[in-house]
């Protein structure tokens, strides 16, 4: 496995923690809105957006300095890893504009239109956040040489 310079070694851990935090915040936010707690929902969803933004900033910074990290797994783990990674990457690109649209509709009090897109945004954002943690575990722990 590629040797990661010491000054960047914590970035994958931070990124996984931010992805996990986002997933938890999304679940909490969904619970709040389900129970009619709009102000709490808004606060938690903004926190999820901040967590995701911090993740993206950290992720780009890390990979700008370190480059790609090769997956070391063999056999059955390779197609599993790359299936998760490819779906995660495609949906990560798609989720950014979806989150922005969902947020803008909420901030403009267009709650009917907000709900319509949030039904799609929530599960996709959750998938991206959870699979981000899975990719981290597979890449840096399960199959690392």
Protein backbone atom coordinates (compact mmCIF):
# COMPACT_ATOMS: atom_id res chain seq x y z
CA UNK A 1 0.00 0.00 0.00
CA UNK A 2 1.08 3.52 -0.72
CA UNK A 3 2.78 5.23 2.20
CA UNK A 4 0.72 8.27 3.19
CA UNK A 5 2.83 11.19 4.47
CA UNK A 6 2.35 11.61 8.23
CA UNK A 7 0.94 15.15 7.95
CA UNK A 8 -1.97 13.78 5.87
CA UNK A 9 -2.59 10.49 7.69
CA UNK A 10 -5.54 11.77 9.72
CA UNK A 11 -7.48 13.11 6.73
CA UNK A 12 -9.13 9.80 5.78
CA UNK A 13 -10.24 9.35 9.41
CA UNK A 14 -11.59 12.90 9.52
CA UNK A 15 -13.39 12.38 6.20
CA UNK A 16 -15.01 9.15 7.40
CA UNK A 17 -16.04 10.83 10.66
CA UNK A 18 -17.59 13.73 8.75
CA UNK A 19 -19.47 11.32 6.47
CA UNK A 20 -20.71 9.37 9.48
CA UNK A 21 -21.70 12.58 11.23
CA UNK A 22 -23.64 13.68 8.17
CA UNK A 23 -25.54 10.37 8.09
CA UNK A 24 -26.46 10.69 11.76
CA UNK A 25 -27.55 14.30 11.31
CA UNK A 26 -29.69 13.32 8.33
CA UNK A 27 -31.46 10.67 10.40
CA UNK A 28 -32.02 13.11 13.26
CA UNK A 29 -33.29 15.76 10.84
CA UNK A 30 -35.73 13.33 9.28
CA UNK A 31 -36.99 12.34 12.72
CA UNK A 32 -37.49 15.99 13.68
CA UNK A 33 -39.55 16.82 10.59
CA UNK A 34 -41.57 13.62 10.98
CA UNK A 35 -42.58 14.90 14.43
CA UNK A 36 -43.31 18.42 13.20
CA UNK A 37 -40.25 20.05 14.76
CA UNK A 38 -39.43 22.38 11.87
CA UNK A 39 -36.92 24.63 13.63
CA UNK A 40 -34.97 21.66 14.96
CA UNK A 41 -35.14 20.01 11.52
CA UNK A 42 -33.78 23.16 9.87
CA UNK A 43 -30.90 23.47 12.35
CA UNK A 44 -29.88 19.83 12.02
CA UNK A 45 -30.12 19.82 8.23
CA UNK A 46 -27.93 22.92 8.05
CA UNK A 47 -25.47 21.12 10.33
CA UNK A 48 -25.56 18.15 7.90
CA UNK A 49 -24.79 20.55 5.05
CA UNK A 50 -21.87 22.04 7.02
CA UNK A 51 -20.56 18.54 7.81
CA UNK A 52 -20.77 17.54 4.14
CA UNK A 53 -19.08 20.76 3.05
CA UNK A 54 -16.25 20.22 5.54
CA UNK A 55 -15.93 16.64 4.24
CA UNK A 56 -15.69 17.78 0.62
CA UNK A 57 -13.12 20.45 1.47
CA UNK A 58 -11.01 17.98 3.45
CA UNK A 59 -11.36 15.27 0.79
CA UNK A 60 -10.25 17.55 -2.05
CA UNK A 61 -7.34 18.93 0.00
CA UNK A 62 -6.16 15.43 0.96
CA UNK A 63 -6.32 14.00 -2.56
CA UNK A 64 -4.73 17.10 -4.04
CA UNK A 65 -1.69 16.47 -1.81
CA UNK A 66 -1.67 12.67 -1.65
CA UNK A 67 -3.22 11.62 -4.95
CA UNK A 68 -5.14 8.40 -5.43
CA UNK A 69 -4.92 5.56 -2.96
CA UNK A 70 -5.08 2.15 -4.66
CA UNK A 71 -7.43 -0.52 -3.38
CA UNK A 72 -5.38 -3.51 -2.24
CA UNK A 73 -8.11 -6.13 -1.93
CA UNK A 74 -8.20 -9.17 -4.22
CA UNK A 75 -10.83 -11.69 -5.30
CA UNK A 76 -14.45 -11.02 -4.34
CA UNK A 77 -13.60 -7.77 -2.57
CA UNK A 78 -12.54 -5.97 -5.77
CA UNK A 79 -15.88 -6.03 -7.61
CA UNK A 80 -17.69 -5.28 -4.35
CA UNK A 81 -15.43 -2.32 -3.56
CA UNK A 82 -15.58 -0.87 -7.06
CA UNK A 83 -19.38 -1.31 -7.25
CA UNK A 84 -19.75 0.64 -4.02
CA UNK A 85 -17.14 3.22 -5.07
CA UNK A 86 -18.64 3.84 -8.52
CA UNK A 87 -22.21 4.17 -7.24
CA UNK A 88 -20.96 6.37 -4.37
CA UNK A 89 -19.02 8.64 -6.75
CA UNK A 90 -21.82 9.06 -9.28
CA UNK A 91 -24.38 9.81 -6.58
CA UNK A 92 -21.95 12.13 -4.75
CA UNK A 93 -21.78 14.28 -7.88
CA UNK A 94 -25.57 14.22 -8.33
CA UNK A 95 -26.36 14.94 -4.69
CA UNK A 96 -24.65 18.35 -4.64
CA UNK A 97 -27.17 20.13 -6.88
CA UNK A 98 -30.02 18.16 -5.31
CA UNK A 99 -29.03 19.38 -1.83
CA UNK A 100 -28.72 22.95 -3.11
CA UNK A 101 -32.18 22.83 -4.71
CA UNK A 102 -33.71 21.20 -1.63
CA UNK A 103 -32.13 23.82 0.63
CA UNK A 104 -33.11 26.76 -1.56
CA UNK A 105 -36.71 25.62 -1.68
CA UNK A 106 -36.81 25.33 2.10
CA UNK A 107 -35.19 28.72 2.63
CA UNK A 108 -37.72 30.31 0.27
CA UNK A 109 -40.56 28.59 2.22
CA UNK A 110 -41.58 26.57 -0.84
CA UNK A 111 -42.28 23.59 1.39
CA UNK A 112 -44.45 21.71 -1.13
CA UNK A 113 -41.61 21.78 -3.68
CA UNK A 114 -39.05 21.19 -0.91
CA UNK A 115 -40.83 18.00 0.18
CA UNK A 116 -41.09 16.80 -3.42
CA UNK A 117 -37.32 16.84 -3.97
CA UNK A 118 -36.38 16.00 -0.36
CA UNK A 119 -38.05 12.60 -0.87
CA UNK A 120 -35.25 11.87 -3.34
CA UNK A 121 -32.47 13.91 -1.77
CA UNK A 122 -32.66 12.29 1.67
CA UNK A 123 -32.10 8.63 0.66
CA UNK A 124 -29.45 9.51 -1.92
CA UNK A 125 -27.57 11.78 0.50
CA UNK A 126 -27.82 9.08 3.16
CA UNK A 127 -26.46 6.49 0.71
CA UNK A 128 -23.53 8.74 -0.23
CA UNK A 129 -22.71 9.43 3.43
CA UNK A 130 -22.89 5.78 4.52
CA UNK A 131 -21.02 4.41 1.50
CA UNK A 132 -18.33 7.03 2.10
CA UNK A 133 -17.65 5.39 5.45
CA UNK A 134 -17.76 1.93 3.87
CA UNK A 135 -15.25 2.94 1.18
CA UNK A 136 -12.96 4.33 3.89
CA UNK A 137 -13.12 1.10 5.93
CA UNK A 138 -12.53 -1.10 2.89
CA UNK A 139 -9.69 1.06 1.54
CA UNK A 140 -7.79 1.82 4.75
CA UNK A 141 -8.62 -1.06 7.10
CA UNK A 142 -10.14 -4.25 5.72
CA UNK A 143 -7.94 -4.79 2.70
CA UNK A 144 -4.94 -2.58 3.38
CA UNK A 145 -1.60 -4.30 2.86
